[in-house]
Amino acid sequence: MDERHTTAEAHLPIDASEDVGVNPSSAPSIGQLIERRLALKGLAAAGVLGALASMPLGRQAMAQAAGPSSLAFKEIPHSLDTTDHVPEGYERQVMVRWGDRLAADAPAFDPAKLTAAGQVKQFGYNCDFIGYLPLPRGSQNSAHGLLVVNHEYTNSNLMFAGLGSGRTANLKTSKEQAKVELAAHGVSIVEIKRVKGRWQVVANSKYNRRITGQTPMRLSGPAAGHAKLKTSADPTGTRVLGTLNNCAGGVTPWGTLLTAEENFNGYFGGDAAKLPEAEAYKRYGISQNSWYGWASHFDRFNVEKEPNEPHRFGWVVEIDPYEPASTPVKHTGLGRFKHEGAHSIVNKDGRLVVYQGDDQRFDYVYKYVSAAKYDAANPAANSRLLDEGTLFVAQFADDGKVIWMPLVHGQGPLISENGFASQADILINTRKAADLLKATPMDRPEDVEPNPVNGRVYVTLTNNAERKTDQVNKANPRAANAHGHVVEIIPPGNGPADMDHAATEARWDIFLLAGKPGVDAGARYHRATSEHGWLSCPDNCAFDAKGRIWIATDGAPTAADVADGLYAADTTGKGRALTRLFYQAPTGAEVCGPCFTPDGKTVFLAIQHPGEDPGSTFETPSTRWPDFKPGMPPRPSVVAVVRKGGGEIGG
């Protein structure tokens, strides 16, 4: 986020920091590139409809009448209230809530008696990414498996009494409360089983585990051991305590979790501006205006006392859920920035490709390509693929090309004279390296996920209200992109199996432009999209076995006065980009981490920060979802949605 908090920011939710850009780059934005593509075709001065007709999305929207969707569920209406909603013929089950017991000796949840010792044995706060890993390992079992769930951040005002409302409440916590918050961050691993049509948590499972802001971890890859990663507690620069702000993630082909550290900057305090690394701190939004009071309680979060501690966050962390005693690993080869997720695919030549987005206005889209090939017969050896490879950043050219530029020491401007003495320096200050290569500043890149059915890669871009009038174009004719859009990347090749995700060039296209058609200028979908099918602020996405995209939103209540939800659409055929509303969250909540079981008969959703509304407090929250009991605060939870009587989600 920006190096200062403004009055307007004081009431914003914690995750709104992605809306505040810190990138000084002058490279053209995605909006400018869309405009240039129209100009090259002689259409920049044409009307909005004419311009849209020149684009692939516009052509399909006008050529198709009421092209049928393959989705068979009855769409639910837009709403905004205290509970959640699913379509007729479906039911949702609350799987696991903040504070639910994961260990035999965990205390029962009591919001008046929270302790760090108890929280490390309970389900964490503000669930985000979800992965489903079947049991036994390597199987496709859809009735028994492990849920791996991220916990992004904490809302102090909804966890503890007496703190008031808004962001400043987080600065008022005592040391003991801050310890609870540290324990509520990280990851939960939960064994689940479906019995007689109902999902249940397996109590006292050997797999049930919490990874927190205090869990010992190992740093690996080219930056491990670098001087900038050494602290008084770790003079080797290879060991770190905890993972923070775990947003989205991914599951590797060998069955491990990749959890992404996003807005790590908000946990650090102290006057960063007077330190030698001031410029680097600023590029990542680190300032004395911390979101939390942790710096006053723990020296490692005060940059004046431990100036290198921030460099140990902002990485992708690998965790093996099948091995409860395993040590999590922060893989520095994947770069350091505000990672939204890390979605991988095995390329046609056997190499691993990991797609990533840096979730902030005007930041970038990345991919990592391993040097060696994936070995399905030796799962334990595949972790090394994340340490030896090449990180690329994307430039979206005005002719529709994606140019993947390598972030390699000694190439182009990535040299000692520009502050990069080694590859480790590039990985620690990835944003600066990408700036120098003139990567394309995007509108908050969130999930960057390959579709396993059609082979294309979908980039969800949540919004960018800082788009200026000189960036307005006929495909997105708004002075500010309040609602976001979705971009497709098409790797070269003849069909999904032949696509080369490791190639240094690809094509890009627009899948949809979000907002309410007829109200928000530039909003465009399939012509047959209903009055409830439009969406705002696309965030996470997932794909079902038919290749249909399921888009979760974050920010719709503010941008569009409707609840955040889960929308589905075909990605090919006559129903392409015909989005339909499947699920709506309770007030204050976003929907995160959509995840299907292998048989497609259950979709898991993370319902994050219910009750995060202006004026909402522990004592008087805007909702008490999902328990709705007096005195019980809202509880971030994972829900499972199934069809009554069975069957695939979506039909």
Foldseek 3Di string as FASTA:
>chain_A
DFQDADPVNFFPDPVCQLQDALDPFPFAAPLQLLLLLCVVVVRQPPFLLVSLCVAPQSVLQVVFDQQDFPFDFDFDFFDAFFFKDFTPQKDKDFAFWQQAFAAPPADHDDLADQFLVNLQRGAAAFWFAWDWAAPPHPDQDQFKTKIKIFHAFDQQQQRDPDQFHGLCSQAPDDLRVVSSRQSRGGMWIWIWGADPNDIYTDHNDPLTGGFGQFAKAFEDADQAQPCLQAWPVRNRSTIDGGAHRFHYEEADPLGKTWTFAALLQQQAAEALCVDPCNVLSSNQNHGNNHSHNVVVNDVLRYCVRTVSSVLVYQFIWIDHSVDRVDHIYGQLLQFGARWQYWYWDQFLVQWIKTWTFRFHFQDWTKMWTFPDGDDNVCSVPCVCSSRHTWMWTWAQHSNFKTFTHTLAQPPDPNYVVQPHPHSSRCRSRVRVSCSNVSHHTYQGWHDFYAQQAFRKTKTWRFWHQCQACVSATSLQRDRTGQFTFMKIWAADADTNSGGGPPDRMTGMRTQFRADQPPPRPNGGFRNSADNRFGGGGWHDWDAAPQRKIKTWHDDCCPRPVTFTFIWIFRCDDSTRRNIGTGMGGHHQWTKHHWYARNVQFKTKIWTGGSQSDRRAGNQRGSYCPPPRDHSHGNITTIMIMGRVVIDHRSD
